[in-house]
Amino acid sequence: MDLLPFPFPHIFFTGLLLALTLLLYRVVRGPHVLDRIMAADSITLVIICLMGIWQVTVGTSFFFDAILALSVVGFIGTIALAKYLERGGLIH
């Protein structure tokens, strides 16, 4: 039994895949480094959302640990890159 009505997961997946495509374009063609960093962070969030919707659609908690780990790694990576761009190095 699906937890969400039939068309909703397909609509969500389609919208998120479109967002993922646009974000990949921003990573490749971003005018500034900060645009690329923010697009990469947003790609992490879209992947987390895709995994969460899949988890709810299937009705399992299989991806919960991966979602948690990916969110922490994405956050720490974004902070580290921002510090690197601000100071020119990670440790001062």
C-alpha atoms as a PDB file:
ATOM      1  CA  MET A   1       0.000   0.000   0.000  1.00  0.00           C
ATOM      2  CA  ASP A   2       1.355   3.391  -0.976  1.00  0.00           C
ATOM      3  CA  LEU A   3       1.389   5.989   1.754  1.00  0.00           C
ATOM      4  CA  LEU A   4       0.905   8.836  -0.732  1.00  0.00           C
ATOM      5  CA  PRO A   5      -1.846   8.946  -3.373  1.00  0.00           C
ATOM      6  CA  PHE A   6      -0.639   7.726  -6.760  1.00  0.00           C
ATOM      7  CA  PRO A   7       0.177  10.901  -8.741  1.00  0.00           C
ATOM      8  CA  PHE A   8       1.929  12.817  -5.962  1.00  0.00           C
ATOM      9  CA  PRO A   9       5.245  10.908  -5.813  1.00  0.00           C
ATOM     10  CA  HIS A  10       5.593  11.156  -9.590  1.00  0.00           C
ATOM     11  CA  ILE A  11       4.911  14.895  -9.523  1.00  0.00           C
ATOM     12  CA  PHE A  12       7.410  15.390  -6.684  1.00  0.00           C
ATOM     13  CA  PHE A  13      10.084  13.294  -8.388  1.00  0.00           C
ATOM     14  CA  THR A  14       9.608  15.145 -11.674  1.00  0.00           C
ATOM     15  CA  GLY A  15       9.886  18.557 -10.017  1.00  0.00           C
ATOM     16  CA  LEU A  16      12.946  17.579  -8.032  1.00  0.00           C
ATOM     17  CA  LEU A  17      14.654  16.067 -11.066  1.00  0.00           C
ATOM     18  CA  LEU A  18      14.004  19.283 -12.977  1.00  0.00           C
ATOM     19  CA  ALA A  19      15.499  21.256 -10.076  1.00  0.00           C
ATOM     20  CA  LEU A  20      18.478  18.889 -10.027  1.00  0.00           C
ATOM     21  CA  THR A  21      19.055  19.475 -13.752  1.00  0.00           C
ATOM     22  CA  LEU A  22      18.942  23.251 -13.332  1.00  0.00           C
ATOM     23  CA  LEU A  23      21.287  23.089 -10.349  1.00  0.00           C
ATOM     24  CA  LEU A  24      23.780  20.978 -12.281  1.00  0.00           C
ATOM     25  CA  TYR A  25      23.729  23.647 -14.975  1.00  0.00           C
ATOM     26  CA  ARG A  26      24.451  26.266 -12.277  1.00  0.00           C
ATOM     27  CA  VAL A  27      27.389  24.225 -10.973  1.00  0.00           C
ATOM     28  CA  VAL A  28      28.906  23.951 -14.439  1.00  0.00           C
ATOM     29  CA  ARG A  29      28.145  27.452 -15.720  1.00  0.00           C
ATOM     30  CA  GLY A  30      27.954  29.484 -12.507  1.00  0.00           C
ATOM     31  CA  PRO A  31      29.362  32.973 -12.923  1.00  0.00           C
ATOM     32  CA  HIS A  32      31.051  32.944  -9.494  1.00  0.00           C
ATOM     33  CA  VAL A  33      32.501  30.362  -7.140  1.00  0.00           C
ATOM     34  CA  LEU A  34      29.890  31.176  -4.498  1.00  0.00           C
ATOM     35  CA  ASP A  35      27.112  30.379  -6.979  1.00  0.00           C
ATOM     36  CA  ARG A  36      28.691  27.002  -7.595  1.00  0.00           C
ATOM     37  CA  ILE A  37      29.010  26.291  -3.863  1.00  0.00           C
ATOM     38  CA  MET A  38      25.375  27.199  -3.211  1.00  0.00           C
ATOM     39  CA  ALA A  39      24.246  25.080  -6.164  1.00  0.00           C
ATOM     40  CA  ALA A  40      26.237  22.108  -4.859  1.00  0.00           C
ATOM     41  CA  ASP A  41      24.651  22.555  -1.429  1.00  0.00           C
ATOM     42  CA  SER A  42      21.225  22.737  -3.042  1.00  0.00           C
ATOM     43  CA  ILE A  43      21.967  19.550  -4.995  1.00  0.00           C
ATOM     44  CA  THR A  44      22.632  17.849  -1.663  1.00  0.00           C
ATOM     45  CA  LEU A  45      19.254  19.056  -0.403  1.00  0.00           C
ATOM     46  CA  VAL A  46      17.462  17.854  -3.534  1.00  0.00           C
ATOM     47  CA  ILE A  47      19.056  14.411  -3.180  1.00  0.00           C
ATOM     48  CA  ILE A  48      17.964  14.316   0.465  1.00  0.00           C
ATOM     49  CA  CYS A  49      14.423  15.219  -0.594  1.00  0.00           C
ATOM     50  CA  LEU A  50      14.421  12.532  -3.293  1.00  0.00           C
ATOM     51  CA  MET A  51      15.539   9.931  -0.775  1.00  0.00           C
ATOM     52  CA  GLY A  52      12.915  11.107   1.727  1.00  0.00           C
ATOM     53  CA  ILE A  53      10.081  10.963  -0.793  1.00  0.00           C
ATOM     54  CA  TRP A  54      11.199   7.520  -1.902  1.00  0.00           C
ATOM     55  CA  GLN A  55      11.284   6.420   1.731  1.00  0.00           C
ATOM     56  CA  VAL A  56       7.726   7.657   2.353  1.00  0.00           C
ATOM     57  CA  THR A  57       6.439   6.230  -0.932  1.00  0.00           C
ATOM     58  CA  VAL A  58       7.833   2.770  -0.306  1.00  0.00           C
ATOM     59  CA  GLY A  59       7.029   2.861   3.409  1.00  0.00           C
ATOM     60  CA  THR A  60      10.459   1.958   4.756  1.00  0.00           C
ATOM     61  CA  SER A  61      13.037   3.626   6.960  1.00  0.00           C
ATOM     62  CA  PHE A  62      15.978   2.260   4.980  1.00  0.00           C
ATOM     63  CA  PHE A  63      17.331   5.662   3.888  1.00  0.00           C
ATOM     64  CA  PHE A  64      17.038   7.402   7.252  1.00  0.00           C
ATOM     65  CA  ASP A  65      20.694   6.950   8.216  1.00  0.00           C
ATOM     66  CA  ALA A  66      21.874   7.972   4.744  1.00  0.00           C
ATOM     67  CA  ILE A  67      19.694  11.096   4.836  1.00  0.00           C
ATOM     68  CA  LEU A  68      21.107  12.058   8.216  1.00  0.00           C
ATOM     69  CA  ALA A  69      24.730  11.453   7.186  1.00  0.00           C
ATOM     70  CA  LEU A  70      24.313  13.281   3.874  1.00  0.00           C
ATOM     71  CA  SER A  71      22.786  16.306   5.562  1.00  0.00           C
ATOM     72  CA  VAL A  72      25.656  16.550   8.049  1.00  0.00           C
ATOM     73  CA  VAL A  73      28.307  16.096   5.350  1.00  0.00           C
ATOM     74  CA  GLY A  74      26.617  18.705   3.145  1.00  0.00           C
ATOM     75  CA  PHE A  75      26.442  21.216   5.979  1.00  0.00           C
ATOM     76  CA  ILE A  76      30.055  20.731   7.047  1.00  0.00           C
ATOM     77  CA  GLY A  77      31.257  20.868   3.442  1.00  0.00           C
ATOM     78  CA  THR A  78      29.457  24.132   2.775  1.00  0.00           C
ATOM     79  CA  ILE A  79      30.823  25.711   5.948  1.00  0.00           C
ATOM     80  CA  ALA A  80      34.356  24.526   5.140  1.00  0.00           C
ATOM     81  CA  LEU A  81      34.232  25.927   1.614  1.00  0.00           C
ATOM     82  CA  ALA A  82      32.824  29.241   2.844  1.00  0.00           C
ATOM     83  CA  LYS A  83      35.626  29.526   5.423  1.00  0.00           C
ATOM     84  CA  TYR A  84      38.195  28.656   2.792  1.00  0.00           C
ATOM     85  CA  LEU A  85      36.934  31.365   0.450  1.00  0.00           C
ATOM     86  CA  GLU A  86      36.716  33.925   3.242  1.00  0.00           C
ATOM     87  CA  ARG A  87      40.142  33.393   4.791  1.00  0.00           C
ATOM     88  CA  GLY A  88      42.140  31.671   2.101  1.00  0.00           C
ATOM     89  CA  GLY A  89      42.648  28.615   4.291  1.00  0.00           C
ATOM     90  CA  LEU A  90      40.759  26.347   6.651  1.00  0.00           C
ATOM     91  CA  ILE A  91      42.995  26.642   9.716  1.00  0.00           C
ATOM     92  CA  HIS A  92      44.400  29.929  11.056  1.00  0.00           C
END
